[in-house]
PDB file of all heavy atoms in Angstrom:
ATOM      1  N   SER A   1       0.848  -1.192   0.000  1.00  0.00           N
ATOM      2  CA  SER A   1       0.000   0.000   0.000  1.00  0.00           C
ATOM      3  C   SER A   1       0.884   1.244   0.000  1.00  0.00           C
ATOM      4  O   SER A   1       2.088   1.173   0.277  1.00  0.00           O
ATOM      5  CB  SER A   1      -0.887   0.009   1.245  1.00  0.00           C
ATOM      6  OG  SER A   1      -0.097   0.228   2.404  1.00  0.00           O
ATOM      7  N   VAL A   2       0.274   2.374  -0.290  1.00  0.00           N
ATOM      8  CA  VAL A   2       1.002   3.643  -0.292  1.00  0.00           C
ATOM      9  C   VAL A   2       1.617   3.898   1.084  1.00  0.00           C
ATOM     10  O   VAL A   2       2.778   4.307   1.186  1.00  0.00           O
ATOM     11  CB  VAL A   2       0.071   4.811  -0.691  1.00  0.00           C
ATOM     12  CG1 VAL A   2       0.785   6.142  -0.568  1.00  0.00           C
ATOM     13  CG2 VAL A   2      -0.450   4.620  -2.095  1.00  0.00           C
ATOM     14  N   ASN A   3       0.865   3.627   2.139  1.00  0.00           N
ATOM     15  CA  ASN A   3       1.370   3.854   3.492  1.00  0.00           C
ATOM     16  C   ASN A   3       2.549   2.950   3.818  1.00  0.00           C
ATOM     17  O   ASN A   3       3.513   3.383   4.454  1.00  0.00           O
ATOM     18  CB  ASN A   3       0.261   3.687   4.531  1.00  0.00           C
ATOM     19  CG  ASN A   3      -0.744   4.811   4.471  1.00  0.00           C
ATOM     20  OD1 ASN A   3      -0.412   5.935   4.095  1.00  0.00           O
ATOM     21  ND2 ASN A   3      -1.984   4.521   4.815  1.00  0.00           N
ATOM     22  N   ASP A   4       2.502   1.690   3.382  1.00  0.00           N
ATOM     23  CA  ASP A   4       3.636   0.780   3.585  1.00  0.00           C
ATOM     24  C   ASP A   4       4.878   1.297   2.864  1.00  0.00           C
ATOM     25  O   ASP A   4       5.987   1.248   3.401  1.00  0.00           O
ATOM     26  CB  ASP A   4       3.317  -0.623   3.066  1.00  0.00           C
ATOM     27  CG  ASP A   4       2.347  -1.379   3.958  1.00  0.00           C
ATOM     28  OD1 ASP A   4       2.151  -0.967   5.118  1.00  0.00           O
ATOM     29  OD2 ASP A   4       1.791  -2.383   3.480  1.00  0.00           O
ATOM     30  N   ILE A   5       4.682   1.775   1.650  1.00  0.00           N
ATOM     31  CA  ILE A   5       5.809   2.306   0.871  1.00  0.00           C
ATOM     32  C   ILE A   5       6.368   3.548   1.544  1.00  0.00           C
ATOM     33  O   ILE A   5       7.590   3.697   1.681  1.00  0.00           O
ATOM     34  CB  ILE A   5       5.383   2.589  -0.580  1.00  0.00           C
ATOM     35  CG1 ILE A   5       4.998   1.280  -1.282  1.00  0.00           C
ATOM     36  CG2 ILE A   5       6.503   3.298  -1.343  1.00  0.00           C
ATOM     37  CD1 ILE A   5       4.294   1.470  -2.613  1.00  0.00           C
ATOM     38  N   ALA A   6       5.484   4.436   1.982  1.00  0.00           N
ATOM     39  CA  ALA A   6       5.929   5.657   2.670  1.00  0.00           C
ATOM     40  C   ALA A   6       6.720   5.307   3.923  1.00  0.00           C
ATOM     41  O   ALA A   6       7.764   5.916   4.188  1.00  0.00           O
ATOM     42  CB  ALA A   6       4.736   6.540   3.007  1.00  0.00           C
ATOM     43  N   ASP A   7       6.254   4.331   4.683  1.00  0.00           N
ATOM     44  CA  ASP A   7       6.990   3.898   5.879  1.00  0.00           C
ATOM     45  C   ASP A   7       8.358   3.339   5.503  1.00  0.00           C
ATOM     46  O   ASP A   7       9.351   3.622   6.165  1.00  0.00           O
ATOM     47  CB  ASP A   7       6.194   2.843   6.655  1.00  0.00           C
ATOM     48  CG  ASP A   7       4.968   3.419   7.349  1.00  0.00           C
ATOM     49  OD1 ASP A   7       4.887   4.658   7.493  1.00  0.00           O
ATOM     50  OD2 ASP A   7       4.088   2.615   7.729  1.00  0.00           O
ATOM     51  N   GLY A   8       8.400   2.546   4.435  1.00  0.00           N
ATOM     52  CA  GLY A   8       9.661   1.954   3.984  1.00  0.00           C
ATOM     53  C   GLY A   8      10.668   2.986   3.519  1.00  0.00           C
ATOM     54  O   GLY A   8      11.872   2.803   3.665  1.00  0.00           O
ATOM     55  N   LEU A   9      10.174   4.067   2.966  1.00  0.00           N
ATOM     56  CA  LEU A   9      11.053   5.130   2.477  1.00  0.00           C
ATOM     57  C   LEU A   9      11.332   6.190   3.533  1.00  0.00           C
ATOM     58  O   LEU A   9      12.240   7.004   3.376  1.00  0.00           O
ATOM     59  CB  LEU A   9      10.440   5.816   1.257  1.00  0.00           C
ATOM     60  CG  LEU A   9      10.284   4.999  -0.008  1.00  0.00           C
ATOM     61  CD1 LEU A   9       9.633   5.844  -1.092  1.00  0.00           C
ATOM     62  CD2 LEU A   9      11.623   4.478  -0.482  1.00  0.00           C
ATOM     63  N   GLY A  10      10.508   6.211   4.570  1.00  0.00           N
ATOM     64  CA  GLY A  10      10.644   7.251   5.581  1.00  0.00           C
ATOM     65  C   GLY A  10      10.251   8.619   5.047  1.00  0.00           C
ATOM     66  O   GLY A  10      10.878   9.623   5.351  1.00  0.00           O
ATOM     67  N   THR A  11       9.187   8.637   4.240  1.00  0.00           N
ATOM     68  CA  THR A  11       8.730   9.884   3.636  1.00  0.00           C
ATOM     69  C   THR A  11       7.214   9.992   3.767  1.00  0.00           C
ATOM     70  O   THR A  11       6.564   9.127   4.340  1.00  0.00           O
ATOM     71  CB  THR A  11       9.181   9.969   2.163  1.00  0.00           C
ATOM     72  OG1 THR A  11       8.930  11.270   1.667  1.00  0.00           O
ATOM     73  CG2 THR A  11       8.494   8.942   1.294  1.00  0.00           C
ATOM     74  N   TYR A  12       6.666  11.055   3.223  1.00  0.00           N
ATOM     75  CA  TYR A  12       5.236  11.307   3.335  1.00  0.00           C
ATOM     76  C   TYR A  12       4.446  10.587   2.246  1.00  0.00           C
ATOM     77  O   TYR A  12       4.919  10.414   1.118  1.00  0.00           O
ATOM     78  CB  TYR A  12       4.947  12.811   3.253  1.00  0.00           C
ATOM     79  CG  TYR A  12       5.562  13.583   4.390  1.00  0.00           C
ATOM     80  CD1 TYR A  12       6.684  14.370   4.188  1.00  0.00           C
ATOM     81  CD2 TYR A  12       5.020  13.506   5.670  1.00  0.00           C
ATOM     82  CE1 TYR A  12       7.264  15.075   5.241  1.00  0.00           C
ATOM     83  CE2 TYR A  12       5.586  14.206   6.724  1.00  0.00           C
ATOM     84  CZ  TYR A  12       6.714  14.986   6.504  1.00  0.00           C
ATOM     85  OH  TYR A  12       7.277  15.670   7.550  1.00  0.00           O
ATOM     86  N   GLN A  13       3.210  10.240   2.577  1.00  0.00           N
ATOM     87  CA  GLN A  13       2.319   9.536   1.652  1.00  0.00           C
ATOM     88  C   GLN A  13       2.079  10.352   0.389  1.00  0.00           C
ATOM     89  O   GLN A  13       2.010   9.797  -0.708  1.00  0.00           O
ATOM     90  CB  GLN A  13       1.008   9.218   2.382  1.00  0.00           C
ATOM     91  CG  GLN A  13       0.001   8.465   1.561  1.00  0.00           C
ATOM     92  CD  GLN A  13      -1.003   9.373   0.875  1.00  0.00           C
ATOM     93  OE1 GLN A  13      -1.235  10.503   1.291  1.00  0.00           O
ATOM     94  NE2 GLN A  13      -1.576   8.888  -0.200  1.00  0.00           N
ATOM     95  N   VAL A  14       1.974  11.660   0.517  1.00  0.00           N
ATOM     96  CA  VAL A  14       1.715  12.522  -0.641  1.00  0.00           C
ATOM     97  C   VAL A  14       2.854  12.423  -1.655  1.00  0.00           C
ATOM     98  O   VAL A  14       2.619  12.317  -2.869  1.00  0.00           O
ATOM     99  CB  VAL A  14       1.519  13.991  -0.186  1.00  0.00           C
ATOM    100  CG1 VAL A  14       1.405  14.919  -1.367  1.00  0.00           C
ATOM    101  CG2 VAL A  14       0.300  14.108   0.708  1.00  0.00           C
ATOM    102  N   GLN A  15       4.087  12.412  -1.165  1.00  0.00           N
ATOM    103  CA  GLN A  15       5.240  12.299  -2.060  1.00  0.00           C
ATOM    104  C   GLN A  15       5.256  10.939  -2.753  1.00  0.00           C
ATOM    105  O   GLN A  15       5.520  10.840  -3.949  1.00  0.00           O
ATOM    106  CB  GLN A  15       6.540  12.510  -1.285  1.00  0.00           C
ATOM    107  CG  GLN A  15       6.697  13.918  -0.772  1.00  0.00           C
ATOM    108  CD  GLN A  15       7.865  14.039   0.183  1.00  0.00           C
ATOM    109  OE1 GLN A  15       8.083  13.166   1.017  1.00  0.00           O
ATOM    110  NE2 GLN A  15       8.595  15.134   0.055  1.00  0.00           N
ATOM    111  N   VAL A  16       4.973   9.894  -1.985  1.00  0.00           N
ATOM    112  CA  VAL A  16       4.947   8.542  -2.550  1.00  0.00           C
ATOM    113  C   VAL A  16       3.866   8.441  -3.618  1.00  0.00           C
ATOM    114  O   VAL A  16       4.092   7.861  -4.687  1.00  0.00           O
ATOM    115  CB  VAL A  16       4.731   7.491  -1.437  1.00  0.00           C
ATOM    116  CG1 VAL A  16       4.463   6.115  -2.031  1.00  0.00           C
ATOM    117  CG2 VAL A  16       5.934   7.449  -0.513  1.00  0.00           C
ATOM    118  N   SER A  17       2.713   9.022  -3.372  1.00  0.00           N
ATOM    119  CA  SER A  17       1.617   8.980  -4.353  1.00  0.00           C
ATOM    120  C   SER A  17       2.037   9.624  -5.670  1.00  0.00           C
ATOM    121  O   SER A  17       1.707   9.112  -6.754  1.00  0.00           O
ATOM    122  CB  SER A  17       0.380   9.682  -3.800  1.00  0.00           C
ATOM    123  OG  SER A  17      -0.154   8.944  -2.731  1.00  0.00           O
ATOM    124  N   LYS A  18       2.760  10.727  -5.604  1.00  0.00           N
ATOM    125  CA  LYS A  18       3.233  11.382  -6.834  1.00  0.00           C
ATOM    126  C   LYS A  18       4.194  10.486  -7.595  1.00  0.00           C
ATOM    127  O   LYS A  18       4.121  10.357  -8.815  1.00  0.00           O
ATOM    128  CB  LYS A  18       3.897  12.717  -6.500  1.00  0.00           C
ATOM    129  CG  LYS A  18       2.923  13.771  -6.047  1.00  0.00           C
ATOM    130  CD  LYS A  18       3.620  15.067  -5.697  1.00  0.00           C
ATOM    131  CE  LYS A  18       2.622  16.090  -5.183  1.00  0.00           C
ATOM    132  NZ  LYS A  18       3.273  17.350  -4.827  1.00  0.00           N
ATOM    133  N   HIS A  19       5.107   9.838  -6.871  1.00  0.00           N
ATOM    134  CA  HIS A  19       6.064   8.936  -7.530  1.00  0.00           C
ATOM    135  C   HIS A  19       5.352   7.720  -8.120  1.00  0.00           C
ATOM    136  O   HIS A  19       5.684   7.269  -9.224  1.00  0.00           O
ATOM    137  CB  HIS A  19       7.144   8.489  -6.546  1.00  0.00           C
ATOM    138  CG  HIS A  19       8.100   9.570  -6.167  1.00  0.00           C
ATOM    139  ND1 HIS A  19       8.816  10.296  -7.098  1.00  0.00           N
ATOM    140  CD2 HIS A  19       8.471  10.052  -4.960  1.00  0.00           C
ATOM    141  CE1 HIS A  19       9.582  11.174  -6.476  1.00  0.00           C
ATOM    142  NE2 HIS A  19       9.388  11.050  -5.178  1.00  0.00           N
ATOM    143  N   LEU A  20       4.371   7.200  -7.394  1.00  0.00           N
ATOM    144  CA  LEU A  20       3.620   6.049  -7.900  1.00  0.00           C
ATOM    145  C   LEU A  20       2.838   6.404  -9.158  1.00  0.00           C
ATOM    146  O   LEU A  20       2.705   5.573 -10.065  1.00  0.00           O
ATOM    147  CB  LEU A  20       2.678   5.504  -6.826  1.00  0.00           C
ATOM    148  CG  LEU A  20       3.358   4.724  -5.702  1.00  0.00           C
ATOM    149  CD1 LEU A  20       2.396   4.494  -4.556  1.00  0.00           C
ATOM    150  CD2 LEU A  20       3.921   3.405  -6.223  1.00  0.00           C
ATOM    151  N   ARG A  21       2.357   7.618  -9.245  1.00  0.00           N
ATOM    152  CA  ARG A  21       1.647   8.059 -10.456  1.00  0.00           C
ATOM    153  C   ARG A  21       2.594   8.011 -11.662  1.00  0.00           C
ATOM    154  O   ARG A  21       2.230   7.531 -12.734  1.00  0.00           O
ATOM    155  CB  ARG A  21       1.093   9.472 -10.269  1.00  0.00           C
ATOM    156  CG  ARG A  21       0.202   9.900 -11.423  1.00  0.00           C
ATOM    157  CD  ARG A  21      -0.445  11.273 -11.239  1.00  0.00           C
ATOM    158  NE  ARG A  21      -0.810  11.567  -9.855  1.00  0.00           N
ATOM    159  CZ  ARG A  21      -0.287  12.578  -9.138  1.00  0.00           C
ATOM    160  NH1 ARG A  21       0.609  13.386  -9.659  1.00  0.00           N
ATOM    161  NH2 ARG A  21      -0.682  12.784  -7.894  1.00  0.00           N
ATOM    162  N   VAL A  22       3.822   8.481 -11.477  1.00  0.00           N
ATOM    163  CA  VAL A  22       4.803   8.459 -12.567  1.00  0.00           C
ATOM    164  C   VAL A  22       5.132   7.013 -12.943  1.00  0.00           C
ATOM    165  O   VAL A  22       5.197   6.663 -14.129  1.00  0.00           O
ATOM    166  CB  VAL A  22       6.089   9.222 -12.168  1.00  0.00           C
ATOM    167  CG1 VAL A  22       7.178   9.042 -13.214  1.00  0.00           C
ATOM    168  CG2 VAL A  22       5.778  10.699 -11.952  1.00  0.00           C
ATOM    169  N   LEU A  23       5.325   6.162 -11.948  1.00  0.00           N
ATOM    170  CA  LEU A  23       5.628   4.752 -12.222  1.00  0.00           C
ATOM    171  C   LEU A  23       4.468   4.066 -12.937  1.00  0.00           C
ATOM    172  O   LEU A  23       4.684   3.237 -13.833  1.00  0.00           O
ATOM    173  CB  LEU A  23       5.963   4.017 -10.922  1.00  0.00           C
ATOM    174  CG  LEU A  23       7.276   4.417 -10.249  1.00  0.00           C
ATOM    175  CD1 LEU A  23       7.375   3.794  -8.866  1.00  0.00           C
ATOM    176  CD2 LEU A  23       8.467   4.035 -11.113  1.00  0.00           C
ATOM    177  N   LYS A  24       3.241   4.415 -12.573  1.00  0.00           N
ATOM    178  CA  LYS A  24       2.058   3.842 -13.240  1.00  0.00           C
ATOM    179  C   LYS A  24       1.978   4.315 -14.683  1.00  0.00           C
ATOM    180  O   LYS A  24       1.714   3.521 -15.591  1.00  0.00           O
ATOM    181  CB  LYS A  24       0.794   4.208 -12.478  1.00  0.00           C
ATOM    182  CG  LYS A  24      -0.449   3.521 -13.022  1.00  0.00           C
ATOM    183  CD  LYS A  24      -1.612   3.708 -12.089  1.00  0.00           C
ATOM    184  CE  LYS A  24      -2.894   3.075 -12.538  1.00  0.00           C
ATOM    185  NZ  LYS A  24      -3.029   2.593 -13.855  1.00  0.00           N
ATOM    186  N   GLU A  25       2.214   5.606 -14.917  1.00  0.00           N
ATOM    187  CA  GLU A  25       2.184   6.149 -16.281  1.00  0.00           C
ATOM    188  C   GLU A  25       3.268   5.518 -17.152  1.00  0.00           C
ATOM    189  O   GLU A  25       3.081   5.351 -18.358  1.00  0.00           O
ATOM    190  CB  GLU A  25       2.344   7.666 -16.250  1.00  0.00           C
ATOM    191  CG  GLU A  25       1.123   8.385 -15.705  1.00  0.00           C
ATOM    192  CD  GLU A  25       1.355   9.865 -15.459  1.00  0.00           C
ATOM    193  OE1 GLU A  25       2.485  10.368 -15.720  1.00  0.00           O
ATOM    194  OE2 GLU A  25       0.410  10.530 -14.992  1.00  0.00           O
ATOM    195  N   ALA A  26       4.396   5.148 -16.541  1.00  0.00           N
ATOM    196  CA  ALA A  26       5.479   4.495 -17.276  1.00  0.00           C
ATOM    197  C   ALA A  26       5.207   3.002 -17.469  1.00  0.00           C
ATOM    198  O   ALA A  26       5.965   2.319 -18.153  1.00  0.00           O
ATOM    199  CB  ALA A  26       6.806   4.691 -16.540  1.00  0.00           C
ATOM    200  N   GLY A  27       4.133   2.495 -16.876  1.00  0.00           N
ATOM    201  CA  GLY A  27       3.772   1.090 -17.026  1.00  0.00           C
ATOM    202  C   GLY A  27       4.534   0.165 -16.102  1.00  0.00           C
ATOM    203  O   GLY A  27       4.495  -1.045 -16.268  1.00  0.00           O
ATOM    204  N   LEU A  28       5.230   0.722 -15.109  1.00  0.00           N
ATOM    205  CA  LEU A  28       6.041  -0.109 -14.215  1.00  0.00           C
ATOM    206  C   LEU A  28       5.250  -0.727 -13.068  1.00  0.00           C
ATOM    207  O   LEU A  28       5.679  -1.722 -12.490  1.00  0.00           O
ATOM    208  CB  LEU A  28       7.197   0.717 -13.640  1.00  0.00           C
ATOM    209  CG  LEU A  28       8.320   0.978 -14.638  1.00  0.00           C
ATOM    210  CD1 LEU A  28       9.175   2.142 -14.202  1.00  0.00           C
ATOM    211  CD2 LEU A  28       9.151  -0.275 -14.807  1.00  0.00           C
ATOM    212  N   VAL A  29       4.109  -0.117 -12.712  1.00  0.00           N
ATOM    213  CA  VAL A  29       3.303  -0.665 -11.621  1.00  0.00           C
ATOM    214  C   VAL A  29       1.837  -0.744 -12.024  1.00  0.00           C
ATOM    215  O   VAL A  29       1.371   0.004 -12.878  1.00  0.00           O
ATOM    216  CB  VAL A  29       3.434   0.167 -10.315  1.00  0.00           C
ATOM    217  CG1 VAL A  29       4.846   0.148  -9.785  1.00  0.00           C
ATOM    218  CG2 VAL A  29       2.926   1.570 -10.490  1.00  0.00           C
ATOM    219  N   ASP A  30       1.156  -1.673 -11.396  1.00  0.00           N
ATOM    220  CA  ASP A  30      -0.296  -1.785 -11.486  1.00  0.00           C
ATOM    221  C   ASP A  30      -0.851  -1.461 -10.116  1.00  0.00           C
ATOM    222  O   ASP A  30      -0.178  -1.648  -9.096  1.00  0.00           O
ATOM    223  CB  ASP A  30      -0.717  -3.215 -11.839  1.00  0.00           C
ATOM    224  CG  ASP A  30      -0.703  -3.482 -13.326  1.00  0.00           C
ATOM    225  OD1 ASP A  30      -0.892  -2.529 -14.098  1.00  0.00           O
ATOM    226  OD2 ASP A  30      -0.494  -4.648 -13.703  1.00  0.00           O
TER     227      ASP A  30
END
């Protein structure tokens, strides 16, 4: 989940969501 990723990175959920959007647009994540 976004929260698990944010915890793993030690960053905020909002920042992770932005990065996940880019990864999704690049086709790297579902």
